[in-house]
């Protein structure tokens, strides 16, 4: 198992019986943290996809949109009333996910793990991906008017992005060789 780097304030001396659980946490943090980070490549998109597509698509698919829109002062008011609670819950979940992954990555860095290649899988980019994929899903559901095709289209659009971000451009040093 990986050992933490020794900082003056982190010396094992004086840790006594706590050193075993501390090292166990560090080992678990590195191994399971990698799995969590891998999940963060797609989880924000899945949350946004599931939350965004059915809002308008389900109304259009069930042919209740005309009734729902006629009962509200405007379509914008209906959309705002439909989106409000969902955006609130998804926004809170996105912020909680961003804070949790940020803390996890900070702990992993303390244990000597460099997560540079996993940049974007923790912190504010996680929340932005949730909200962005929800907006794409909402648009796809509104344009297609069907839930399943909207899910498939949104999945194709948003999952194509993480796959392309895994390819790293060559640095100038390797490009000149």
Protein backbone atom coordinates (compact mmCIF):
# COMPACT_ATOMS: atom_id res chain seq x y z
CA UNK A 1 0.00 0.00 0.00
CA UNK A 2 1.01 3.57 -0.59
CA UNK A 3 2.41 5.45 2.34
CA UNK A 4 1.77 9.12 2.98
CA UNK A 5 4.60 11.50 2.44
CA UNK A 6 6.12 12.56 5.71
CA UNK A 7 5.55 16.17 6.63
CA UNK A 8 6.85 17.50 9.95
CA UNK A 9 3.29 17.78 11.28
CA UNK A 10 2.36 14.30 10.05
CA UNK A 11 5.10 12.19 11.63
CA UNK A 12 3.97 8.86 12.96
CA UNK A 13 5.61 9.59 16.29
CA UNK A 14 2.98 10.33 18.84
CA UNK A 15 0.19 8.92 16.69
CA UNK A 16 0.18 5.82 18.85
CA UNK A 17 -2.68 3.50 18.18
CA UNK A 18 -4.15 5.80 15.52
CA UNK A 19 -1.43 5.11 12.95
CA UNK A 20 -3.04 1.83 11.81
CA UNK A 21 -6.43 3.36 10.99
CA UNK A 22 -4.75 6.40 9.42
CA UNK A 23 -2.73 4.21 7.06
CA UNK A 24 -5.79 2.08 6.31
CA UNK A 25 -7.69 5.26 5.39
CA UNK A 26 -4.85 6.35 3.11
CA UNK A 27 -4.76 3.00 1.35
CA UNK A 28 -8.55 2.98 0.90
CA UNK A 29 -8.47 6.59 -0.23
CA UNK A 30 -6.04 5.81 -3.03
CA UNK A 31 -7.71 2.60 -4.23
CA UNK A 32 -11.37 3.58 -3.90
CA UNK A 33 -10.69 7.21 -4.76
CA UNK A 34 -9.59 6.08 -8.20
CA UNK A 35 -12.91 4.28 -8.69
CA UNK A 36 -14.86 7.32 -7.53
CA UNK A 37 -12.86 9.55 -9.83
CA UNK A 38 -13.57 7.22 -12.74
CA UNK A 39 -17.28 7.39 -11.95
CA UNK A 40 -17.09 11.20 -11.93
CA UNK A 41 -16.32 11.08 -15.65
CA UNK A 42 -19.94 10.04 -16.30
CA UNK A 43 -22.06 10.47 -13.15
CA UNK A 44 -22.64 14.23 -13.55
CA UNK A 45 -23.88 13.64 -17.08
CA UNK A 46 -26.20 10.84 -15.98
CA UNK A 47 -27.76 13.00 -13.26
CA UNK A 48 -28.36 15.86 -15.68
CA UNK A 49 -29.66 13.53 -18.36
CA UNK A 50 -32.23 11.86 -16.11
CA UNK A 51 -33.33 15.18 -14.63
CA UNK A 52 -33.52 17.25 -17.82
CA UNK A 53 -35.04 15.17 -20.60
CA UNK A 54 -38.40 14.13 -19.09
CA UNK A 55 -39.52 17.62 -18.01
CA UNK A 56 -40.92 18.76 -21.36
CA UNK A 57 -40.71 15.47 -23.27
CA UNK A 58 -43.12 13.65 -20.95
CA UNK A 59 -45.75 16.39 -21.39
CA UNK A 60 -45.38 16.33 -25.16
CA UNK A 61 -45.31 12.55 -25.32
CA UNK A 62 -48.43 12.16 -23.18
CA UNK A 63 -50.15 14.88 -25.24
CA UNK A 64 -50.95 16.86 -22.10
CA UNK A 65 -48.76 19.83 -23.01
CA UNK A 66 -51.61 21.85 -24.55
CA UNK A 67 -53.71 21.39 -21.41
CA UNK A 68 -50.84 22.16 -19.06
CA UNK A 69 -49.84 25.24 -21.04
CA UNK A 70 -53.41 26.54 -21.25
CA UNK A 71 -53.81 26.33 -17.47
CA UNK A 72 -50.82 28.62 -16.91
CA UNK A 73 -50.47 32.29 -17.81
CA UNK A 74 -47.69 31.44 -20.27
CA UNK A 75 -45.49 28.59 -21.36
CA UNK A 76 -42.55 30.27 -19.68
CA UNK A 77 -44.48 30.34 -16.38
CA UNK A 78 -45.29 26.64 -16.78
CA UNK A 79 -41.67 25.84 -17.54
CA UNK A 80 -40.45 27.88 -14.58
CA UNK A 81 -42.92 26.17 -12.27
CA UNK A 82 -41.92 22.74 -13.60
CA UNK A 83 -38.19 23.44 -13.53
CA UNK A 84 -38.01 25.23 -10.17
CA UNK A 85 -38.09 22.26 -7.79
CA UNK A 86 -36.04 20.05 -10.10
CA UNK A 87 -33.33 22.66 -10.60
CA UNK A 88 -33.29 23.24 -6.84
CA UNK A 89 -32.79 19.54 -6.04
CA UNK A 90 -30.35 18.88 -8.86
CA UNK A 91 -28.44 22.06 -8.02
CA UNK A 92 -28.11 21.02 -4.38
CA UNK A 93 -27.00 17.53 -5.44
CA UNK A 94 -24.49 19.02 -7.88
CA UNK A 95 -23.01 21.32 -5.24
CA UNK A 96 -22.83 18.48 -2.71
CA UNK A 97 -21.15 16.25 -5.29
CA UNK A 98 -18.69 19.02 -6.16
CA UNK A 99 -17.78 19.66 -2.52
CA UNK A 100 -17.46 15.94 -1.73
CA UNK A 101 -15.25 15.19 -4.71
CA UNK A 102 -13.16 18.27 -4.01
CA UNK A 103 -12.50 17.14 -0.43
CA UNK A 104 -11.74 13.62 -1.62
CA UNK A 105 -9.19 14.91 -4.12
CA UNK A 106 -7.62 17.19 -1.50
CA UNK A 107 -7.15 14.18 0.82
CA UNK A 108 -5.70 12.13 -2.02
CA UNK A 109 -3.16 14.86 -2.76
CA UNK A 110 -2.12 14.88 0.91
CA UNK A 111 -1.37 11.17 0.57
CA UNK A 112 0.95 11.81 -2.35
CA UNK A 113 -1.40 11.08 -5.22
CA UNK A 114 -1.25 13.56 -8.07
CA UNK A 115 -4.64 13.84 -9.70
CA UNK A 116 -3.61 16.15 -12.51
CA UNK A 117 -4.90 13.71 -15.13
CA UNK A 118 -8.27 13.68 -13.37
CA UNK A 119 -8.72 17.44 -13.45
CA UNK A 120 -12.36 18.26 -14.05
CA UNK A 121 -13.65 15.26 -12.13
CA UNK A 122 -13.85 17.16 -8.87
CA UNK A 123 -14.95 20.57 -7.69
CA UNK A 124 -16.88 23.17 -9.66
CA UNK A 125 -16.57 21.41 -13.08
CA UNK A 126 -18.65 18.54 -11.67
CA UNK A 127 -21.52 20.90 -10.81
CA UNK A 128 -21.20 22.64 -14.18
CA UNK A 129 -21.43 19.33 -16.00
CA UNK A 130 -24.59 18.37 -14.11
CA UNK A 131 -26.30 21.67 -14.93
CA UNK A 132 -25.01 21.69 -18.51
CA UNK A 133 -26.16 18.16 -19.27
CA UNK A 134 -29.53 18.96 -17.70
CA UNK A 135 -29.88 21.93 -20.07
CA UNK A 136 -28.92 19.77 -23.07
CA UNK A 137 -31.42 17.13 -21.94
CA UNK A 138 -34.16 19.71 -21.53
CA UNK A 139 -33.49 21.01 -25.03
CA UNK A 140 -33.42 17.51 -26.54
CA UNK A 141 -36.67 16.58 -24.80
CA UNK A 142 -38.36 19.76 -26.01
CA UNK A 143 -37.14 19.39 -29.60
CA UNK A 144 -37.87 15.68 -29.98
CA UNK A 145 -40.99 15.55 -27.84
CA UNK A 146 -40.27 11.97 -26.78
CA UNK A 147 -38.50 10.80 -23.66
CA UNK A 148 -36.52 7.81 -24.93
CA UNK A 149 -35.19 9.45 -28.11
CA UNK A 150 -34.37 12.52 -26.03
CA UNK A 151 -32.39 10.37 -23.59
CA UNK A 152 -30.51 8.68 -26.42
CA UNK A 153 -29.69 11.96 -28.17
CA UNK A 154 -28.57 13.63 -24.95
CA UNK A 155 -26.50 10.59 -24.03
CA UNK A 156 -24.78 10.71 -27.41
CA UNK A 157 -24.06 14.44 -27.07
CA UNK A 158 -22.83 14.54 -23.49
CA UNK A 159 -20.97 11.23 -23.30
CA UNK A 160 -19.06 12.03 -26.46
CA UNK A 161 -17.40 14.89 -24.58
CA UNK A 162 -15.68 12.87 -21.80
CA UNK A 163 -14.37 10.37 -24.34
CA UNK A 164 -12.77 13.13 -26.37
CA UNK A 165 -11.31 14.81 -23.29
CA UNK A 166 -9.32 11.67 -22.46
CA UNK A 167 -7.13 12.16 -25.51
CA UNK A 168 -4.29 14.42 -24.52
CA UNK A 169 -2.68 16.78 -26.98
CA UNK A 170 1.01 16.31 -27.51
CA UNK A 171 3.20 18.73 -25.67
CA UNK A 172 5.59 20.90 -27.62
CA UNK A 173 8.52 18.82 -26.39
CA UNK A 174 7.12 15.56 -27.78
CA UNK A 175 5.69 17.18 -30.91
CA UNK A 176 9.14 18.39 -31.97
CA UNK A 177 10.81 15.00 -31.59
